Amino acid sequence: MEIQDRQPIRVLAPQVLDNLHARLHGPLILPGDPQYDTARRVWNGMIDRYPALIVQCRDTSDVVQALRLARQHNLDIVIRGGGHGIPGYATIDDGMVIDLSRMKEIRIDAQRQTALVSAGVTLGEFMQASEAYGLVTTVGTDPDTGVAGLTLGGGMGSLMAKFGLACDNVLSFEMVTVNGEVVRASADENPDLYWGLRGGGGNFGIVATFEFQLHPAAGVLGGLLAYPLPHTRAALRFYRDFAHQMPDELTVFCSLGHSPDGNPIVGFLVCYCGDMQEGERVLEPLRKFAPPVADLVRPMPYTSLLNMSSLPRGRHYYGKGCTLLELSDEVIERLNEAAMAKTSPLSEILIQQVHGVAARIAPDATAFSARGISYMPFILAEWEKGPEEPHVEWARNTLASLQPMAVDSAYVNFLGMEEGQNRVASAYAGNYPRLLDLKRRYDPENVFRMNANIWPE
């Protein structure tokens, strides 16, 4: 669709735009600018929208200026971080995109083992910087995911059994409020907001900077063990039994997807963070389960493990997720049926198990409430081009088949735009009333609503 075919895109007065441009350190991009079509596109090729203006912020001051102008002129806004944004929260038709993806500062304090990370940084960029000092922390599974979105929604990843979720490792946040004020949230300063930002998403303001706790790690024993897709039932039953024995140092995710060369597989994504010799012993049952078609598990930097799961920019993606307390025989049968019924060879079901430190933290210690040992399948439809309906239907049907065995609690980073308010409320379980109170205090007009939204009403 050409931009001239869309009418109307809201246009502000030239003087207003000139004044904003003069106050910004980063670019202001408008329809018709040469870079507009590139700037408006997001990682998910399924999402195609046309903002009225895009502010590519360089620093917190730019965030303040953009937000104040949007509020003054009653513009709808969305916040774009550094990464994926599968549901499409990071762009909008006819409103303002406050784009943080150029905010790339990373400051490592090796002595204190902490990191200050700006909101446009991706997981791969963060870990590459920290691993240079022999330090890591929990991040997700794909290097191109943004630190901000992952962390604000909780932040599951392959180190969470040893170090907790990404949000559990945040020491402080710098946030721009709806009124354009810059506040800090930590255990000692605005502690209620600090609690809410650790899992409450982008509901309360625009987080510009994160301060993370880092941990020493001299690489991991990680990689993929792959088996032919007909092994799915047996692999999932083995995974169910093996998962109950895993130490905190070990996280294993199960993937019903495809190998790097495109063949359908059931695979174990392995990450052991500890003594390598002990790790080899712990992983021995995985290797003996069945003869693998590929064994890519080896000592490696944590960044190399992340790079094994990278999803290409520009493909079409649609995701759904749920939470299961166990992998019952019925669940395994439903997962096997879904894997066999995929409408695209690129689609995947990734089962992430929460255990160890991430599971032992109290449900009300942070806004992220889905604690306790559980399994969280993420159903990702992925395709290159063509009609979206069959792939979207496959993902929805797969979720529907699992729903009778699922619990209400959920990972909000797995929720889509069509989920509805009741689904968001149930995802936060007993923490929702406290989050609702925070929303009413920090964003009573629901300006920040393009997210897993907490309605202040």
Foldseek 3Di string as FASTA:
>chain_A
DDPVVDPDQDDDDPVLVVVLCVQAPFDKDAPPDPCQCVVQDAQALVDDAHERIETAHQALSNVLSVLQSCVVVVFFEAEAFAAHPQQHRQHHHNGYGDYDLNHADWDADLVQQKIKGFRNAFQLSRQVVSVVSQKDAAAAQARRHTPQQCQQQAGDHFLCQPHNHQLVFWAKWWFQFSNSDTAMEGCVGVPLVSQCSRRVGCLFGHTTITMGHIDGFPFWFWDKFWAALVCQLLVQVVCQVLVVVDHSQKWWKWKQAAAPVLHTTIMITITGTDDVVVVCVSCVVVCVSDPTPDDPTGTDHPSVSSNRPHDGGNWHKDKAKFKAAGCDSQNSVLVSVLSVPAPDNGWMKMKGWDHHPNQPDDLSSHLQRPHHTIIMIMTMQTDHDDDPVVSNVSNVVSCVSCVVRTALADRQVRDHPPPDLVSLQSNSPPSLVSSLVSSCVRPVPRSHASGSYNHND
